[in-house]
Amino acid sequence: MTGLIVMIVGIVLWWAAHLFKRVAPTQRAAMTERMGEAARGPFALVILISVVLMVIGYRGGEFVFVYDPPAWGPHANNLLMVFAVILLGLGNSQSRARGWLRHPMLAGFLVWCGAHLLANGDRDSVILFGLLGLWAVVSMLVINRAEPRAERFRGGTAAGDIKLLVISVALYAVIAGIHIWLGYNPFGG
């Protein structure tokens, strides 16, 4: 049960650090006015701590069966992860596709969560990926409410498209390598 609690504390910190700017804009603006760009530091630290806690909690949790993922789930997960990584990178790219979605990074995060729920049917996976996926949806709604008429990215180049794809494939390989190193081979075996 300790792993579960550690993981949940990490998830709560993740939510808090990411939503603080939208939920408490006056306080966040005051911090920025006082500290300048250094105001990002405490939030980055909380996010880093949240990720460490989620990983430690997830790895230290006991396996509790919730559902059997479909046999094709791991394969779908691998394919969807390619798209998730591309979407995550799209938000900061100079790709022509950047303007297609209002929240490409959050959409990528949501695809990442959904993909992992297709491959994992244990309690801790459901809690971790379910709550992080919910965070992505809530974040989109909160941003849309705060900025209903935000400008979409216009521009981008074919070189930006190629750069996005090359970086995404390389990052996907790194992510797969980390999973294998941690003992979770995403490709089976």
Protein backbone atom coordinates (compact mmCIF):
# COMPACT_ATOMS: atom_id res chain seq x y z
CA MET A 1 0.00 0.00 0.00
CA THR A 2 2.96 2.32 0.60
CA GLY A 3 3.85 2.38 -3.12
CA LEU A 4 0.29 3.35 -3.97
CA ILE A 5 0.32 6.23 -1.47
CA VAL A 6 3.68 7.51 -2.76
CA MET A 7 2.36 7.36 -6.33
CA ILE A 8 -0.83 9.22 -5.43
CA VAL A 9 1.17 11.94 -3.63
CA GLY A 10 3.20 12.31 -6.84
CA ILE A 11 0.03 12.58 -8.93
CA VAL A 12 -1.42 15.23 -6.59
CA LEU A 13 1.80 17.26 -6.78
CA TRP A 14 1.77 16.97 -10.60
CA TRP A 15 -1.80 18.27 -10.76
CA ALA A 16 -1.09 21.09 -8.28
CA ALA A 17 2.09 22.32 -9.95
CA HIS A 18 0.59 22.30 -13.43
CA LEU A 19 -2.78 23.84 -12.57
CA PHE A 20 -1.57 26.48 -10.09
CA LYS A 21 -1.16 29.14 -12.80
CA ARG A 22 -4.75 28.63 -13.99
CA VAL A 23 -6.42 28.08 -10.62
CA ALA A 24 -4.57 30.86 -8.77
CA PRO A 25 -3.54 33.35 -11.48
CA THR A 26 -3.20 36.29 -9.08
CA GLN A 27 -0.81 34.42 -6.81
CA ARG A 28 1.17 33.10 -9.78
CA ALA A 29 1.43 36.61 -11.28
CA ALA A 30 2.61 37.97 -7.91
CA MET A 31 5.31 35.29 -7.77
CA THR A 32 6.45 36.16 -11.28
CA GLU A 33 6.50 39.86 -10.43
CA ARG A 34 8.58 39.21 -7.32
CA MET A 35 10.92 36.57 -8.71
CA GLY A 36 10.89 37.09 -12.49
CA GLU A 37 11.63 33.98 -14.51
CA ALA A 38 13.03 32.35 -11.35
CA ALA A 39 9.38 31.85 -10.29
CA ARG A 40 9.35 28.82 -12.59
CA GLY A 41 12.00 27.12 -10.47
CA PRO A 42 9.80 26.01 -7.56
CA PHE A 43 7.20 24.62 -9.97
CA ALA A 44 9.85 22.75 -11.96
CA LEU A 45 11.18 21.29 -8.71
CA VAL A 46 7.70 20.17 -7.62
CA ILE A 47 7.11 18.60 -11.04
CA LEU A 48 10.44 16.77 -10.85
CA ILE A 49 9.62 15.52 -7.34
CA SER A 50 6.16 14.44 -8.54
CA VAL A 51 7.65 12.38 -11.39
CA VAL A 52 10.16 10.74 -9.04
CA LEU A 53 7.39 9.89 -6.56
CA MET A 54 5.14 8.51 -9.30
CA VAL A 55 7.93 6.29 -10.65
CA ILE A 56 8.99 5.07 -7.20
CA GLY A 57 5.39 4.47 -6.15
CA TYR A 58 4.44 2.72 -9.38
CA ARG A 59 7.50 0.46 -9.32
CA GLY A 60 7.06 -0.24 -5.60
CA GLY A 61 3.35 -0.99 -5.73
CA GLU A 62 1.85 -4.42 -5.50
CA PHE A 63 0.12 -5.94 -8.51
CA VAL A 64 -3.65 -5.86 -8.08
CA PHE A 65 -5.64 -7.21 -11.03
CA VAL A 66 -8.39 -4.97 -12.42
CA TYR A 67 -8.90 -6.16 -16.02
CA ASP A 68 -7.26 -8.19 -18.76
CA PRO A 69 -5.90 -5.89 -21.47
CA PRO A 70 -6.76 -7.07 -24.98
CA ALA A 71 -4.17 -9.27 -26.69
CA TRP A 72 -3.59 -6.49 -29.23
CA GLY A 73 -3.21 -3.88 -26.47
CA PRO A 74 0.61 -3.90 -26.28
CA HIS A 75 0.88 -3.56 -30.07
CA ALA A 76 -1.63 -0.70 -30.10
CA ASN A 77 0.29 0.88 -27.22
CA ASN A 78 3.53 0.83 -29.22
CA LEU A 79 1.90 2.36 -32.29
CA LEU A 80 -0.01 4.97 -30.29
CA MET A 81 3.17 5.93 -28.46
CA VAL A 82 4.74 7.00 -31.75
CA PHE A 83 1.82 9.40 -32.24
CA ALA A 84 1.96 10.50 -28.60
CA VAL A 85 5.64 11.43 -28.90
CA ILE A 86 4.98 13.32 -32.15
CA LEU A 87 2.10 15.23 -30.54
CA LEU A 88 4.20 16.06 -27.49
CA GLY A 89 6.90 17.51 -29.73
CA LEU A 90 4.44 19.25 -32.02
CA GLY A 91 3.63 21.92 -29.44
CA ASN A 92 7.16 23.35 -29.60
CA SER A 93 8.00 22.56 -33.21
CA GLN A 94 8.21 24.63 -36.36
CA SER A 95 6.12 22.00 -38.14
CA ARG A 96 3.30 23.00 -40.45
CA ALA A 97 1.07 20.63 -38.44
CA ARG A 98 1.50 22.66 -35.23
CA GLY A 99 -1.59 24.78 -35.91
CA TRP A 100 -3.87 21.79 -36.46
CA LEU A 101 -4.55 21.25 -32.76
CA ARG A 102 -5.03 23.76 -29.99
CA HIS A 103 -3.37 21.55 -27.36
CA PRO A 104 -1.01 19.16 -29.14
CA MET A 105 1.12 18.46 -26.07
CA LEU A 106 -1.87 17.71 -23.85
CA ALA A 107 -3.40 15.61 -26.63
CA GLY A 108 -0.13 13.67 -26.83
CA PHE A 109 -0.17 13.20 -23.08
CA LEU A 110 -3.74 11.90 -23.27
CA VAL A 111 -2.81 9.47 -26.07
CA TRP A 112 0.14 8.30 -23.92
CA CYS A 113 -2.22 7.58 -21.01
CA GLY A 114 -4.83 5.82 -23.14
CA ALA A 115 -2.18 3.73 -24.89
CA HIS A 116 -0.80 2.52 -21.57
CA LEU A 117 -4.28 1.56 -20.37
CA LEU A 118 -4.56 -0.71 -23.44
CA ALA A 119 -1.42 -2.55 -22.33
CA ASN A 120 -1.79 -2.58 -18.53
CA GLY A 121 -4.76 -3.75 -16.49
CA ASP A 122 -3.45 -3.50 -12.93
CA ARG A 123 -4.72 -1.14 -10.22
CA ASP A 124 -1.68 1.13 -10.15
CA SER A 125 -1.70 1.53 -13.95
CA VAL A 126 -5.40 2.39 -13.92
CA ILE A 127 -4.85 4.97 -11.17
CA LEU A 128 -1.66 6.47 -12.65
CA PHE A 129 -2.66 6.65 -16.31
CA GLY A 130 -6.32 7.32 -15.54
CA LEU A 131 -5.62 10.29 -13.26
CA LEU A 132 -2.90 11.71 -15.52
CA GLY A 133 -5.22 11.37 -18.53
CA LEU A 134 -7.93 13.13 -16.55
CA TRP A 135 -5.40 15.87 -15.73
CA ALA A 136 -4.77 16.39 -19.46
CA VAL A 137 -8.51 16.73 -20.16
CA VAL A 138 -9.05 19.09 -17.21
CA SER A 139 -6.05 21.16 -18.30
CA MET A 140 -7.49 21.56 -21.81
CA LEU A 141 -10.84 22.65 -20.38
CA VAL A 142 -9.28 25.09 -17.92
CA ILE A 143 -7.06 26.64 -20.60
CA ASN A 144 -9.96 26.91 -23.04
CA ARG A 145 -12.04 28.66 -20.42
CA ALA A 146 -9.26 31.09 -19.49
CA GLU A 147 -8.26 31.79 -23.10
CA PRO A 148 -11.29 31.10 -25.33
CA ARG A 149 -9.88 32.95 -28.35
CA ALA A 150 -6.21 31.99 -28.33
CA GLU A 151 -4.31 32.41 -31.58
CA ARG A 152 -3.29 29.23 -33.34
CA PHE A 153 0.20 28.80 -34.69
CA ARG A 154 0.52 29.82 -38.32
CA GLY A 155 3.51 28.97 -40.40
CA GLY A 156 5.98 26.16 -40.15
CA THR A 157 8.05 24.56 -42.86
CA ALA A 158 8.69 21.19 -44.46
CA ALA A 159 12.07 21.25 -42.69
CA GLY A 160 10.17 21.70 -39.42
CA ASP A 161 8.03 18.66 -40.26
CA ILE A 162 11.12 16.53 -40.97
CA LYS A 163 12.90 17.74 -37.83
CA LEU A 164 9.82 16.90 -35.73
CA LEU A 165 9.66 13.37 -37.15
CA VAL A 166 13.39 12.69 -36.75
CA ILE A 167 13.44 13.95 -33.15
CA SER A 168 10.24 12.03 -32.36
CA VAL A 169 11.63 8.73 -33.67
CA ALA A 170 14.86 9.26 -31.72
CA LEU A 171 12.93 10.11 -28.56
CA TYR A 172 10.68 7.08 -29.04
CA ALA A 173 13.79 4.89 -29.23
CA VAL A 174 15.14 6.46 -26.02
CA ILE A 175 11.80 5.91 -24.24
CA ALA A 176 11.71 2.28 -25.39
CA GLY A 177 15.30 1.84 -24.22
CA ILE A 178 14.48 3.24 -20.78
CA HIS A 179 11.51 0.89 -20.50
CA ILE A 180 13.71 -2.09 -21.41
CA TRP A 181 16.38 -0.94 -18.92
CA LEU A 182 13.69 -0.73 -16.20
CA GLY A 183 12.54 -4.27 -17.03
CA TYR A 184 9.39 -3.43 -19.01
CA ASN A 185 10.08 -4.50 -22.60
CA PRO A 186 7.37 -2.76 -24.65
CA PHE A 187 8.02 -5.09 -27.58
CA GLY A 188 7.56 -8.33 -25.67
CA GLY A 189 10.19 -10.86 -24.80
